[in-house]
Amino acid sequence: FQLLEQELTAQFLLYSISSFVSGL
């Protein structure tokens, strides 16, 4: 949410996707 609020879209996408894929 904070990344989105700061308009850091690339970091948001990287963090979300890499967390999910890496976790699995």
PDB file of all heavy atoms in Angstrom:
ATOM      1  N   PHE A   1       0.827  -1.201   0.000  1.00  0.00           N
ATOM      2  CA  PHE A   1       0.000   0.000   0.000  1.00  0.00           C
ATOM      3  C   PHE A   1       0.867   1.259   0.000  1.00  0.00           C
ATOM      4  O   PHE A   1       0.612   2.213  -0.744  1.00  0.00           O
ATOM      5  CB  PHE A   1      -0.935  -0.023   1.220  1.00  0.00           C
ATOM      6  CG  PHE A   1      -1.803   1.186   1.339  1.00  0.00           C
ATOM      7  CD1 PHE A   1      -2.872   1.383   0.475  1.00  0.00           C
ATOM      8  CD2 PHE A   1      -1.557   2.128   2.320  1.00  0.00           C
ATOM      9  CE1 PHE A   1      -3.673   2.510   0.585  1.00  0.00           C
ATOM     10  CE2 PHE A   1      -2.354   3.256   2.435  1.00  0.00           C
ATOM     11  CZ  PHE A   1      -3.416   3.448   1.568  1.00  0.00           C
ATOM     12  N   GLN A   2       1.918   1.259   0.827  1.00  0.00           N
ATOM     13  CA  GLN A   2       2.813   2.416   0.882  1.00  0.00           C
ATOM     14  C   GLN A   2       3.532   2.636  -0.451  1.00  0.00           C
ATOM     15  O   GLN A   2       3.710   3.782  -0.881  1.00  0.00           O
ATOM     16  CB  GLN A   2       3.822   2.257   2.018  1.00  0.00           C
ATOM     17  CG  GLN A   2       3.198   2.389   3.387  1.00  0.00           C
ATOM     18  CD  GLN A   2       4.181   2.134   4.508  1.00  0.00           C
ATOM     19  OE1 GLN A   2       5.383   2.012   4.300  1.00  0.00           O
ATOM     20  NE2 GLN A   2       3.673   2.055   5.730  1.00  0.00           N
ATOM     21  N   LEU A   3       3.940   1.550  -1.085  1.00  0.00           N
ATOM     22  CA  LEU A   3       4.584   1.687  -2.397  1.00  0.00           C
ATOM     23  C   LEU A   3       3.621   2.310  -3.409  1.00  0.00           C
ATOM     24  O   LEU A   3       4.017   3.164  -4.209  1.00  0.00           O
ATOM     25  CB  LEU A   3       5.090   0.325  -2.892  1.00  0.00           C
ATOM     26  CG  LEU A   3       6.282  -0.260  -2.137  1.00  0.00           C
ATOM     27  CD1 LEU A   3       6.548  -1.692  -2.586  1.00  0.00           C
ATOM     28  CD2 LEU A   3       7.525   0.610  -2.336  1.00  0.00           C
ATOM     29  N   LEU A   4       2.369   1.891  -3.368  1.00  0.00           N
ATOM     30  CA  LEU A   4       1.371   2.475  -4.264  1.00  0.00           C
ATOM     31  C   LEU A   4       1.124   3.943  -3.936  1.00  0.00           C
ATOM     32  O   LEU A   4       1.006   4.779  -4.850  1.00  0.00           O
ATOM     33  CB  LEU A   4       0.059   1.689  -4.192  1.00  0.00           C
ATOM     34  CG  LEU A   4       0.060   0.331  -4.879  1.00  0.00           C
ATOM     35  CD1 LEU A   4      -1.240  -0.408  -4.593  1.00  0.00           C
ATOM     36  CD2 LEU A   4       0.289   0.481  -6.372  1.00  0.00           C
ATOM     37  N   GLU A   5       1.039   4.267  -2.649  1.00  0.00           N
ATOM     38  CA  GLU A   5       0.842   5.661  -2.247  1.00  0.00           C
ATOM     39  C   GLU A   5       1.992   6.552  -2.707  1.00  0.00           C
ATOM     40  O   GLU A   5       1.782   7.710  -3.047  1.00  0.00           O
ATOM     41  CB  GLU A   5       0.705   5.777  -0.722  1.00  0.00           C
ATOM     42  CG  GLU A   5      -0.690   5.586  -0.217  1.00  0.00           C
ATOM     43  CD  GLU A   5      -0.817   6.050   1.225  1.00  0.00           C
ATOM     44  OE1 GLU A   5       0.139   5.922   2.012  1.00  0.00           O
ATOM     45  OE2 GLU A   5      -1.911   6.550   1.554  1.00  0.00           O
ATOM     46  N   GLN A   6       3.198   6.018  -2.722  1.00  0.00           N
ATOM     47  CA  GLN A   6       4.371   6.766  -3.146  1.00  0.00           C
ATOM     48  C   GLN A   6       4.549   6.722  -4.665  1.00  0.00           C
ATOM     49  O   GLN A   6       5.546   7.214  -5.186  1.00  0.00           O
ATOM     50  CB  GLN A   6       5.625   6.219  -2.454  1.00  0.00           C
ATOM     51  CG  GLN A   6       5.616   6.367  -0.961  1.00  0.00           C
ATOM     52  CD  GLN A   6       6.736   5.579  -0.313  1.00  0.00           C
ATOM     53  OE1 GLN A   6       7.767   5.291  -0.916  1.00  0.00           O
ATOM     54  NE2 GLN A   6       6.550   5.213   0.952  1.00  0.00           N
ATOM     55  N   GLU A   7       3.595   6.084  -5.342  1.00  0.00           N
ATOM     56  CA  GLU A   7       3.602   5.932  -6.797  1.00  0.00           C
ATOM     57  C   GLU A   7       4.848   5.196  -7.294  1.00  0.00           C
ATOM     58  O   GLU A   7       5.380   5.494  -8.360  1.00  0.00           O
ATOM     59  CB  GLU A   7       3.438   7.285  -7.485  1.00  0.00           C
ATOM     60  CG  GLU A   7       2.101   7.945  -7.136  1.00  0.00           C
ATOM     61  CD  GLU A   7       1.905   9.297  -7.787  1.00  0.00           C
ATOM     62  OE1 GLU A   7       2.778   9.744  -8.563  1.00  0.00           O
ATOM     63  OE2 GLU A   7       0.856   9.913  -7.511  1.00  0.00           O
ATOM     64  N   LEU A   8       5.305   4.234  -6.514  1.00  0.00           N
ATOM     65  CA  LEU A   8       6.431   3.381  -6.886  1.00  0.00           C
ATOM     66  C   LEU A   8       5.874   2.081  -7.470  1.00  0.00           C
ATOM     67  O   LEU A   8       5.995   1.005  -6.896  1.00  0.00           O
ATOM     68  CB  LEU A   8       7.327   3.121  -5.675  1.00  0.00           C
ATOM     69  CG  LEU A   8       7.967   4.362  -5.054  1.00  0.00           C
ATOM     70  CD1 LEU A   8       8.651   4.031  -3.739  1.00  0.00           C
ATOM     71  CD2 LEU A   8       8.960   4.990  -6.033  1.00  0.00           C
ATOM     72  N   THR A   9       5.258   2.210  -8.636  1.00  0.00           N
ATOM     73  CA  THR A   9       4.536   1.105  -9.252  1.00  0.00           C
ATOM     74  C   THR A   9       5.448  -0.068  -9.580  1.00  0.00           C
ATOM     75  O   THR A   9       5.083  -1.220  -9.366  1.00  0.00           O
ATOM     76  CB  THR A   9       3.801   1.589 -10.521  1.00  0.00           C
ATOM     77  OG1 THR A   9       3.010   2.729 -10.177  1.00  0.00           O
ATOM     78  CG2 THR A   9       2.913   0.504 -11.093  1.00  0.00           C
ATOM     79  N   ALA A  10       6.633   0.206 -10.095  1.00  0.00           N
ATOM     80  CA  ALA A  10       7.554  -0.876 -10.447  1.00  0.00           C
ATOM     81  C   ALA A  10       7.951  -1.674  -9.207  1.00  0.00           C
ATOM     82  O   ALA A  10       7.956  -2.907  -9.228  1.00  0.00           O
ATOM     83  CB  ALA A  10       8.791  -0.314 -11.148  1.00  0.00           C
ATOM     84  N   GLN A  11       8.275  -0.984  -8.099  1.00  0.00           N
ATOM     85  CA  GLN A  11       8.630  -1.681  -6.864  1.00  0.00           C
ATOM     86  C   GLN A  11       7.441  -2.460  -6.313  1.00  0.00           C
ATOM     87  O   GLN A  11       7.602  -3.564  -5.803  1.00  0.00           O
ATOM     88  CB  GLN A  11       9.145  -0.702  -5.798  1.00  0.00           C
ATOM     89  CG  GLN A  11      10.509  -0.154  -6.088  1.00  0.00           C
ATOM     90  CD  GLN A  11      10.436   1.183  -6.808  1.00  0.00           C
ATOM     91  OE1 GLN A  11       9.499   1.462  -7.554  1.00  0.00           O
ATOM     92  NE2 GLN A  11      11.433   2.016  -6.611  1.00  0.00           N
ATOM     93  N   PHE A  12       6.251  -1.876  -6.420  1.00  0.00           N
ATOM     94  CA  PHE A  12       5.036  -2.565  -5.987  1.00  0.00           C
ATOM     95  C   PHE A  12       4.857  -3.877  -6.738  1.00  0.00           C
ATOM     96  O   PHE A  12       4.629  -4.933  -6.140  1.00  0.00           O
ATOM     97  CB  PHE A  12       3.811  -1.664  -6.184  1.00  0.00           C
ATOM     98  CG  PHE A  12       2.509  -2.413  -6.192  1.00  0.00           C
ATOM     99  CD1 PHE A  12       1.960  -2.891  -5.011  1.00  0.00           C
ATOM    100  CD2 PHE A  12       1.845  -2.658  -7.384  1.00  0.00           C
ATOM    101  CE1 PHE A  12       0.759  -3.599  -5.018  1.00  0.00           C
ATOM    102  CE2 PHE A  12       0.650  -3.359  -7.402  1.00  0.00           C
ATOM    103  CZ  PHE A  12       0.107  -3.828  -6.212  1.00  0.00           C
ATOM    104  N   LEU A  13       4.954  -3.814  -8.062  1.00  0.00           N
ATOM    105  CA  LEU A  13       4.777  -5.025  -8.873  1.00  0.00           C
ATOM    106  C   LEU A  13       5.867  -6.051  -8.589  1.00  0.00           C
ATOM    107  O   LEU A  13       5.592  -7.246  -8.445  1.00  0.00           O
ATOM    108  CB  LEU A  13       4.746  -4.670 -10.359  1.00  0.00           C
ATOM    109  CG  LEU A  13       3.510  -3.908 -10.828  1.00  0.00           C
ATOM    110  CD1 LEU A  13       3.695  -3.407 -12.256  1.00  0.00           C
ATOM    111  CD2 LEU A  13       2.270  -4.775 -10.700  1.00  0.00           C
ATOM    112  N   LEU A  14       7.108  -5.573  -8.502  1.00  0.00           N
ATOM    113  CA  LEU A  14       8.225  -6.480  -8.216  1.00  0.00           C
ATOM    114  C   LEU A  14       8.042  -7.159  -6.862  1.00  0.00           C
ATOM    115  O   LEU A  14       8.198  -8.371  -6.734  1.00  0.00           O
ATOM    116  CB  LEU A  14       9.542  -5.709  -8.249  1.00  0.00           C
ATOM    117  CG  LEU A  14      10.799  -6.520  -7.904  1.00  0.00           C
ATOM    118  CD1 LEU A  14      11.036  -7.597  -8.953  1.00  0.00           C
ATOM    119  CD2 LEU A  14      11.998  -5.595  -7.812  1.00  0.00           C
ATOM    120  N   TYR A  15       7.695  -6.381  -5.851  1.00  0.00           N
ATOM    121  CA  TYR A  15       7.522  -6.909  -4.497  1.00  0.00           C
ATOM    122  C   TYR A  15       6.357  -7.895  -4.435  1.00  0.00           C
ATOM    123  O   TYR A  15       6.499  -9.002  -3.899  1.00  0.00           O
ATOM    124  CB  TYR A  15       7.298  -5.739  -3.535  1.00  0.00           C
ATOM    125  CG  TYR A  15       7.203  -6.103  -2.073  1.00  0.00           C
ATOM    126  CD1 TYR A  15       8.023  -7.066  -1.501  1.00  0.00           C
ATOM    127  CD2 TYR A  15       6.300  -5.451  -1.246  1.00  0.00           C
ATOM    128  CE1 TYR A  15       7.941  -7.373  -0.153  1.00  0.00           C
ATOM    129  CE2 TYR A  15       6.212  -5.746   0.100  1.00  0.00           C
ATOM    130  CZ  TYR A  15       7.037  -6.710   0.639  1.00  0.00           C
ATOM    131  OH  TYR A  15       6.954  -7.012   1.972  1.00  0.00           O
ATOM    132  N   SER A  16       5.229  -7.531  -4.989  1.00  0.00           N
ATOM    133  CA  SER A  16       4.048  -8.393  -4.935  1.00  0.00           C
ATOM    134  C   SER A  16       4.268  -9.703  -5.670  1.00  0.00           C
ATOM    135  O   SER A  16       4.041 -10.794  -5.124  1.00  0.00           O
ATOM    136  CB  SER A  16       2.838  -7.674  -5.546  1.00  0.00           C
ATOM    137  OG  SER A  16       2.514  -6.543  -4.811  1.00  0.00           O
ATOM    138  N   ILE A  17       4.714  -9.614  -6.900  1.00  0.00           N
ATOM    139  CA  ILE A  17       4.876 -10.813  -7.726  1.00  0.00           C
ATOM    140  C   ILE A  17       6.019 -11.682  -7.214  1.00  0.00           C
ATOM    141  O   ILE A  17       5.879 -12.898  -7.090  1.00  0.00           O
ATOM    142  CB  ILE A  17       5.071 -10.419  -9.203  1.00  0.00           C
ATOM    143  CG1 ILE A  17       3.777  -9.776  -9.741  1.00  0.00           C
ATOM    144  CG2 ILE A  17       5.471 -11.624 -10.048  1.00  0.00           C
ATOM    145  CD1 ILE A  17       3.925  -9.086 -11.081  1.00  0.00           C
ATOM    146  N   SER A  18       7.154 -11.050  -6.883  1.00  0.00           N
ATOM    147  CA  SER A  18       8.291 -11.855  -6.421  1.00  0.00           C
ATOM    148  C   SER A  18       7.991 -12.520  -5.076  1.00  0.00           C
ATOM    149  O   SER A  18       8.431 -13.643  -4.817  1.00  0.00           O
ATOM    150  CB  SER A  18       9.569 -11.022  -6.345  1.00  0.00           C
ATOM    151  OG  SER A  18       9.442  -9.989  -5.404  1.00  0.00           O
ATOM    152  N   SER A  19       7.236 -11.858  -4.208  1.00  0.00           N
ATOM    153  CA  SER A  19       6.871 -12.465  -2.924  1.00  0.00           C
ATOM    154  C   SER A  19       6.000 -13.691  -3.130  1.00  0.00           C
ATOM    155  O   SER A  19       6.240 -14.750  -2.527  1.00  0.00           O
ATOM    156  CB  SER A  19       6.129 -11.453  -2.043  1.00  0.00           C
ATOM    157  OG  SER A  19       6.970 -10.416  -1.650  1.00  0.00           O
ATOM    158  N   PHE A  20       5.002 -13.566  -3.975  1.00  0.00           N
ATOM    159  CA  PHE A  20       4.088 -14.681  -4.218  1.00  0.00           C
ATOM    160  C   PHE A  20       4.802 -15.851  -4.889  1.00  0.00           C
ATOM    161  O   PHE A  20       4.730 -16.991  -4.418  1.00  0.00           O
ATOM    162  CB  PHE A  20       2.907 -14.215  -5.078  1.00  0.00           C
ATOM    163  CG  PHE A  20       1.892 -15.288  -5.314  1.00  0.00           C
ATOM    164  CD1 PHE A  20       0.994 -15.640  -4.326  1.00  0.00           C
ATOM    165  CD2 PHE A  20       1.854 -15.956  -6.527  1.00  0.00           C
ATOM    166  CE1 PHE A  20       0.060 -16.649  -4.539  1.00  0.00           C
ATOM    167  CE2 PHE A  20       0.927 -16.965  -6.751  1.00  0.00           C
ATOM    168  CZ  PHE A  20       0.032 -17.305  -5.754  1.00  0.00           C
ATOM    169  N   VAL A  21       5.528 -15.568  -5.965  1.00  0.00           N
ATOM    170  CA  VAL A  21       6.214 -16.634  -6.705  1.00  0.00           C
ATOM    171  C   VAL A  21       7.307 -17.268  -5.849  1.00  0.00           C
ATOM    172  O   VAL A  21       7.414 -18.498  -5.768  1.00  0.00           O
ATOM    173  CB  VAL A  21       6.774 -16.096  -8.043  1.00  0.00           C
ATOM    174  CG1 VAL A  21       7.675 -17.114  -8.723  1.00  0.00           C
ATOM    175  CG2 VAL A  21       5.627 -15.689  -8.969  1.00  0.00           C
ATOM    176  N   SER A  22       8.120 -16.437  -5.198  1.00  0.00           N
ATOM    177  CA  SER A  22       9.194 -16.972  -4.350  1.00  0.00           C
ATOM    178  C   SER A  22       8.634 -17.787  -3.193  1.00  0.00           C
ATOM    179  O   SER A  22       9.181 -18.837  -2.846  1.00  0.00           O
ATOM    180  CB  SER A  22      10.051 -15.833  -3.786  1.00  0.00           C
ATOM    181  OG  SER A  22      10.667 -15.126  -4.810  1.00  0.00           O
ATOM    182  N   GLY A  23       7.550 -17.310  -2.585  1.00  0.00           N
ATOM    183  CA  GLY A  23       6.931 -18.046  -1.489  1.00  0.00           C
ATOM    184  C   GLY A  23       6.469 -19.427  -1.918  1.00  0.00           C
ATOM    185  O   GLY A  23       6.710 -20.427  -1.240  1.00  0.00           O
ATOM    186  N   LEU A  24       5.796 -19.490  -3.064  1.00  0.00           N
ATOM    187  CA  LEU A  24       5.348 -20.797  -3.577  1.00  0.00           C
ATOM    188  C   LEU A  24       6.521 -21.708  -3.902  1.00  0.00           C
ATOM    189  O   LEU A  24       6.516 -22.896  -3.559  1.00  0.00           O
ATOM    190  CB  LEU A  24       4.484 -20.614  -4.828  1.00  0.00           C
ATOM    191  CG  LEU A  24       3.045 -20.209  -4.607  1.00  0.00           C
ATOM    192  CD1 LEU A  24       2.355 -19.965  -5.950  1.00  0.00           C
ATOM    193  CD2 LEU A  24       2.296 -21.274  -3.823  1.00  0.00           C
TER     194      LEU A  24
END
